[in-house]
Amino acid sequence: MAFTAGIEGTGLHGALMVLDPSFTATRLIKLLRLPPTLPAAAFLNDRLQALIRPAR
């Protein structure tokens, strides 16, 4: 829950992540207001790509 506090009001939606080819983990990290140097950032990138790549 700590990472979801910054998501409210951003307009982030699962369809946006899938349908917008310019949507990246970097953008998600910015929307969630996470520090880009967070060790989990690389993991988030890998998992996000694994989730959205098949849907694109």
PDB file of N, CA and C in Angstrom:
ATOM      1  N   MET A   1       0.803  -1.192   0.000  1.00  0.00           N
ATOM      2  CA  MET A   1       0.000   0.000   0.000  1.00  0.00           C
ATOM      3  C   MET A   1       0.852   1.265   0.000  1.00  0.00           C
ATOM      4  N   ALA A   2       2.060   1.178   0.448  1.00  0.00           N
ATOM      5  CA  ALA A   2       2.912   2.359   0.531  1.00  0.00           C
ATOM      6  C   ALA A   2       3.162   2.974  -0.840  1.00  0.00           C
ATOM      7  N   PHE A   3       3.193   2.160  -1.877  1.00  0.00           N
ATOM      8  CA  PHE A   3       3.499   2.668  -3.207  1.00  0.00           C
ATOM      9  C   PHE A   3       2.267   3.166  -3.948  1.00  0.00           C
ATOM     10  N   THR A   4       1.079   2.858  -3.471  1.00  0.00           N
ATOM     11  CA  THR A   4      -0.119   3.247  -4.194  1.00  0.00           C
ATOM     12  C   THR A   4      -0.664   4.610  -3.781  1.00  0.00           C
ATOM     13  N   ALA A   5      -0.110   5.204  -2.755  1.00  0.00           N
ATOM     14  CA  ALA A   5      -0.619   6.497  -2.287  1.00  0.00           C
ATOM     15  C   ALA A   5      -0.506   7.580  -3.357  1.00  0.00           C
ATOM     16  N   GLY A   6       0.495   7.511  -4.205  1.00  0.00           N
ATOM     17  CA  GLY A   6       0.694   8.539  -5.218  1.00  0.00           C
ATOM     18  C   GLY A   6      -0.094   8.335  -6.494  1.00  0.00           C
ATOM     19  N   ILE A   7      -0.878   7.283  -6.576  1.00  0.00           N
ATOM     20  CA  ILE A   7      -1.551   6.957  -7.836  1.00  0.00           C
ATOM     21  C   ILE A   7      -2.887   7.692  -8.009  1.00  0.00           C
ATOM     22  N   GLU A   8      -3.515   8.067  -6.913  1.00  0.00           N
ATOM     23  CA  GLU A   8      -4.821   8.710  -6.990  1.00  0.00           C
ATOM     24  C   GLU A   8      -4.732  10.028  -7.747  1.00  0.00           C
ATOM     25  N   GLY A   9      -5.630  10.196  -8.695  1.00  0.00           N
ATOM     26  CA  GLY A   9      -5.685  11.429  -9.459  1.00  0.00           C
ATOM     27  C   GLY A   9      -4.708  11.508 -10.623  1.00  0.00           C
ATOM     28  N   THR A  10      -3.961  10.438 -10.893  1.00  0.00           N
ATOM     29  CA  THR A  10      -2.991  10.468 -11.985  1.00  0.00           C
ATOM     30  C   THR A  10      -3.604  10.092 -13.325  1.00  0.00           C
ATOM     31  N   GLY A  11      -4.791   9.474 -13.297  1.00  0.00           N
ATOM     32  CA  GLY A  11      -5.398   9.015 -14.532  1.00  0.00           C
ATOM     33  C   GLY A  11      -4.835   7.690 -15.006  1.00  0.00           C
ATOM     34  N   LEU A  12      -4.022   7.070 -14.186  1.00  0.00           N
ATOM     35  CA  LEU A  12      -3.416   5.796 -14.552  1.00  0.00           C
ATOM     36  C   LEU A  12      -4.483   4.717 -14.622  1.00  0.00           C
ATOM     37  N   HIS A  13      -4.471   3.972 -15.692  1.00  0.00           N
ATOM     38  CA  HIS A  13      -5.454   2.918 -15.926  1.00  0.00           C
ATOM     39  C   HIS A  13      -4.736   1.793 -16.653  1.00  0.00           C
ATOM     40  N   GLY A  14      -5.138   0.569 -16.395  1.00  0.00           N
ATOM     41  CA  GLY A  14      -4.509  -0.582 -17.037  1.00  0.00           C
ATOM     42  C   GLY A  14      -4.526  -0.483 -18.552  1.00  0.00           C
ATOM     43  N   ALA A  15      -5.622   0.027 -19.112  1.00  0.00           N
ATOM     44  CA  ALA A  15      -5.703   0.165 -20.564  1.00  0.00           C
ATOM     45  C   ALA A  15      -4.660   1.152 -21.073  1.00  0.00           C
ATOM     46  N   LEU A  16      -4.411   2.198 -20.319  1.00  0.00           N
ATOM     47  CA  LEU A  16      -3.382   3.167 -20.706  1.00  0.00           C
ATOM     48  C   LEU A  16      -2.028   2.478 -20.786  1.00  0.00           C
ATOM     49  N   MET A  17      -1.733   1.659 -19.793  1.00  0.00           N
ATOM     50  CA  MET A  17      -0.433   0.983 -19.766  1.00  0.00           C
ATOM     51  C   MET A  17      -0.268   0.047 -20.957  1.00  0.00           C
ATOM     52  N   VAL A  18      -1.345  -0.599 -21.372  1.00  0.00           N
ATOM     53  CA  VAL A  18      -1.271  -1.560 -22.472  1.00  0.00           C
ATOM     54  C   VAL A  18      -1.332  -0.873 -23.830  1.00  0.00           C
ATOM     55  N   LEU A  19      -2.248   0.060 -23.994  1.00  0.00           N
ATOM     56  CA  LEU A  19      -2.497   0.639 -25.311  1.00  0.00           C
ATOM     57  C   LEU A  19      -1.552   1.770 -25.697  1.00  0.00           C
ATOM     58  N   ASP A  20      -0.927   2.398 -24.738  1.00  0.00           N
ATOM     59  CA  ASP A  20       0.007   3.483 -25.038  1.00  0.00           C
ATOM     60  C   ASP A  20       1.415   2.908 -25.153  1.00  0.00           C
ATOM     61  N   PRO A  21       1.932   2.768 -26.380  1.00  0.00           N
ATOM     62  CA  PRO A  21       3.253   2.157 -26.551  1.00  0.00           C
ATOM     63  C   PRO A  21       4.385   2.956 -25.915  1.00  0.00           C
ATOM     64  N   SER A  22       4.121   4.211 -25.581  1.00  0.00           N
ATOM     65  CA  SER A  22       5.171   5.006 -24.948  1.00  0.00           C
ATOM     66  C   SER A  22       5.178   4.841 -23.425  1.00  0.00           C
ATOM     67  N   PHE A  23       4.211   4.083 -22.898  1.00  0.00           N
ATOM     68  CA  PHE A  23       4.155   3.885 -21.450  1.00  0.00           C
ATOM     69  C   PHE A  23       5.257   2.925 -21.027  1.00  0.00           C
ATOM     70  N   THR A  24       6.071   3.368 -20.075  1.00  0.00           N
ATOM     71  CA  THR A  24       7.205   2.572 -19.608  1.00  0.00           C
ATOM     72  C   THR A  24       7.195   2.489 -18.083  1.00  0.00           C
ATOM     73  N   ALA A  25       8.057   1.638 -17.580  1.00  0.00           N
ATOM     74  CA  ALA A  25       8.202   1.531 -16.128  1.00  0.00           C
ATOM     75  C   ALA A  25       8.688   2.852 -15.544  1.00  0.00           C
ATOM     76  N   THR A  26       9.497   3.578 -16.287  1.00  0.00           N
ATOM     77  CA  THR A  26       9.970   4.882 -15.815  1.00  0.00           C
ATOM     78  C   THR A  26       8.789   5.815 -15.581  1.00  0.00           C
ATOM     79  N   ARG A  27       7.849   5.795 -16.494  1.00  0.00           N
ATOM     80  CA  ARG A  27       6.657   6.635 -16.339  1.00  0.00           C
ATOM     81  C   ARG A  27       5.828   6.183 -15.140  1.00  0.00           C
ATOM     82  N   LEU A  28       5.700   4.873 -14.961  1.00  0.00           N
ATOM     83  CA  LEU A  28       4.965   4.347 -13.814  1.00  0.00           C
ATOM     84  C   LEU A  28       5.634   4.765 -12.508  1.00  0.00           C
ATOM     85  N   ILE A  29       6.938   4.683 -12.468  1.00  0.00           N
ATOM     86  CA  ILE A  29       7.690   5.083 -11.275  1.00  0.00           C
ATOM     87  C   ILE A  29       7.446   6.560 -10.967  1.00  0.00           C
ATOM     88  N   LYS A  30       7.411   7.390 -12.008  1.00  0.00           N
ATOM     89  CA  LYS A  30       7.143   8.820 -11.800  1.00  0.00           C
ATOM     90  C   LYS A  30       5.720   9.047 -11.302  1.00  0.00           C
ATOM     91  N   LEU A  31       4.746   8.333 -11.893  1.00  0.00           N
ATOM     92  CA  LEU A  31       3.356   8.489 -11.467  1.00  0.00           C
ATOM     93  C   LEU A  31       3.155   8.058 -10.021  1.00  0.00           C
ATOM     94  N   LEU A  32       3.875   7.032  -9.610  1.00  0.00           N
ATOM     95  CA  LEU A  32       3.768   6.546  -8.238  1.00  0.00           C
ATOM     96  C   LEU A  32       4.618   7.357  -7.265  1.00  0.00           C
ATOM     97  N   ARG A  33       5.368   8.307  -7.823  1.00  0.00           N
ATOM     98  CA  ARG A  33       6.259   9.164  -7.027  1.00  0.00           C
ATOM     99  C   ARG A  33       7.279   8.345  -6.242  1.00  0.00           C
ATOM    100  N   LEU A  34       7.854   7.353  -6.915  1.00  0.00           N
ATOM    101  CA  LEU A  34       8.901   6.524  -6.314  1.00  0.00           C
ATOM    102  C   LEU A  34      10.259   7.065  -6.726  1.00  0.00           C
ATOM    103  N   PRO A  35      11.254   6.927  -5.888  1.00  0.00           N
ATOM    104  CA  PRO A  35      12.596   7.346  -6.303  1.00  0.00           C
ATOM    105  C   PRO A  35      13.111   6.402  -7.389  1.00  0.00           C
ATOM    106  N   PRO A  36      13.624   6.935  -8.498  1.00  0.00           N
ATOM    107  CA  PRO A  36      14.084   6.078  -9.603  1.00  0.00           C
ATOM    108  C   PRO A  36      15.254   5.187  -9.216  1.00  0.00           C
ATOM    109  N   THR A  37      15.914   5.511  -8.130  1.00  0.00           N
ATOM    110  CA  THR A  37      17.046   4.698  -7.689  1.00  0.00           C
ATOM    111  C   THR A  37      16.609   3.582  -6.750  1.00  0.00           C
ATOM    112  N   LEU A  38      15.320   3.487  -6.504  1.00  0.00           N
ATOM    113  CA  LEU A  38      14.786   2.432  -5.651  1.00  0.00           C
ATOM    114  C   LEU A  38      15.224   1.075  -6.199  1.00  0.00           C
ATOM    115  N   PRO A  39      15.782   0.209  -5.366  1.00  0.00           N
ATOM    116  CA  PRO A  39      16.235  -1.100  -5.859  1.00  0.00           C
ATOM    117  C   PRO A  39      15.131  -1.881  -6.570  1.00  0.00           C
ATOM    118  N   ALA A  40      13.904  -1.652  -6.179  1.00  0.00           N
ATOM    119  CA  ALA A  40      12.797  -2.369  -6.801  1.00  0.00           C
ATOM    120  C   ALA A  40      12.450  -1.832  -8.186  1.00  0.00           C
ATOM    121  N   ALA A  41      13.037  -0.716  -8.600  1.00  0.00           N
ATOM    122  CA  ALA A  41      12.711  -0.121  -9.898  1.00  0.00           C
ATOM    123  C   ALA A  41      13.041  -1.071 -11.048  1.00  0.00           C
ATOM    124  N   ALA A  42      14.170  -1.739 -10.995  1.00  0.00           N
ATOM    125  CA  ALA A  42      14.534  -2.690 -12.053  1.00  0.00           C
ATOM    126  C   ALA A  42      13.570  -3.866 -12.060  1.00  0.00           C
ATOM    127  N   PHE A  43      13.197  -4.329 -10.883  1.00  0.00           N
ATOM    128  CA  PHE A  43      12.236  -5.423 -10.780  1.00  0.00           C
ATOM    129  C   PHE A  43      10.889  -4.986 -11.347  1.00  0.00           C
ATOM    130  N   LEU A  44      10.465  -3.773 -11.012  1.00  0.00           N
ATOM    131  CA  LEU A  44       9.205  -3.244 -11.520  1.00  0.00           C
ATOM    132  C   LEU A  44       9.229  -3.183 -13.042  1.00  0.00           C
ATOM    133  N   ASN A  45      10.328  -2.750 -13.610  1.00  0.00           N
ATOM    134  CA  ASN A  45      10.457  -2.693 -15.060  1.00  0.00           C
ATOM    135  C   ASN A  45      10.301  -4.083 -15.669  1.00  0.00           C
ATOM    136  N   ASP A  46      10.985  -5.067 -15.118  1.00  0.00           N
ATOM    137  CA  ASP A  46      10.904  -6.434 -15.640  1.00  0.00           C
ATOM    138  C   ASP A  46       9.486  -6.980 -15.553  1.00  0.00           C
ATOM    139  N   ARG A  47       8.847  -6.787 -14.419  1.00  0.00           N
ATOM    140  CA  ARG A  47       7.489  -7.311 -14.223  1.00  0.00           C
ATOM    141  C   ARG A  47       6.477  -6.582 -15.104  1.00  0.00           C
ATOM    142  N   LEU A  48       6.621  -5.278 -15.230  1.00  0.00           N
ATOM    143  CA  LEU A  48       5.695  -4.524 -16.068  1.00  0.00           C
ATOM    144  C   LEU A  48       5.797  -4.990 -17.510  1.00  0.00           C
ATOM    145  N   GLN A  49       7.008  -5.153 -18.005  1.00  0.00           N
ATOM    146  CA  GLN A  49       7.190  -5.622 -19.378  1.00  0.00           C
ATOM    147  C   GLN A  49       6.600  -7.013 -19.568  1.00  0.00           C
ATOM    148  N   ALA A  50       6.795  -7.890 -18.596  1.00  0.00           N
ATOM    149  CA  ALA A  50       6.243  -9.243 -18.689  1.00  0.00           C
ATOM    150  C   ALA A  50       4.714  -9.220 -18.727  1.00  0.00           C
ATOM    151  N   LEU A  51       4.120  -8.259 -18.052  1.00  0.00           N
ATOM    152  CA  LEU A  51       2.659  -8.168 -18.018  1.00  0.00           C
ATOM    153  C   LEU A  51       2.070  -7.536 -19.269  1.00  0.00           C
ATOM    154  N   ILE A  52       2.683  -6.465 -19.757  1.00  0.00           N
ATOM    155  CA  ILE A  52       2.043  -5.741 -20.858  1.00  0.00           C
ATOM    156  C   ILE A  52       2.502  -6.179 -22.240  1.00  0.00           C
ATOM    157  N   ARG A  53       3.674  -6.763 -22.357  1.00  0.00           N
ATOM    158  CA  ARG A  53       4.174  -7.162 -23.676  1.00  0.00           C
ATOM    159  C   ARG A  53       3.200  -8.099 -24.404  1.00  0.00           C
ATOM    160  N   PRO A  54       2.663  -9.146 -23.763  1.00  0.00           N
ATOM    161  CA  PRO A  54       1.735 -10.035 -24.476  1.00  0.00           C
ATOM    162  C   PRO A  54       0.448  -9.341 -24.926  1.00  0.00           C
ATOM    163  N   ALA A  55       0.042  -8.296 -24.210  1.00  0.00           N
ATOM    164  CA  ALA A  55      -1.203  -7.606 -24.542  1.00  0.00           C
ATOM    165  C   ALA A  55      -1.030  -6.579 -25.649  1.00  0.00           C
ATOM    166  N   ARG A  56       0.208  -6.216 -25.925  1.00  0.00           N
ATOM    167  CA  ARG A  56       0.438  -5.195 -26.954  1.00  0.00           C
ATOM    168  C   ARG A  56       0.457  -5.849 -28.269  1.00  0.00           C
TER     169      ARG A  56
END
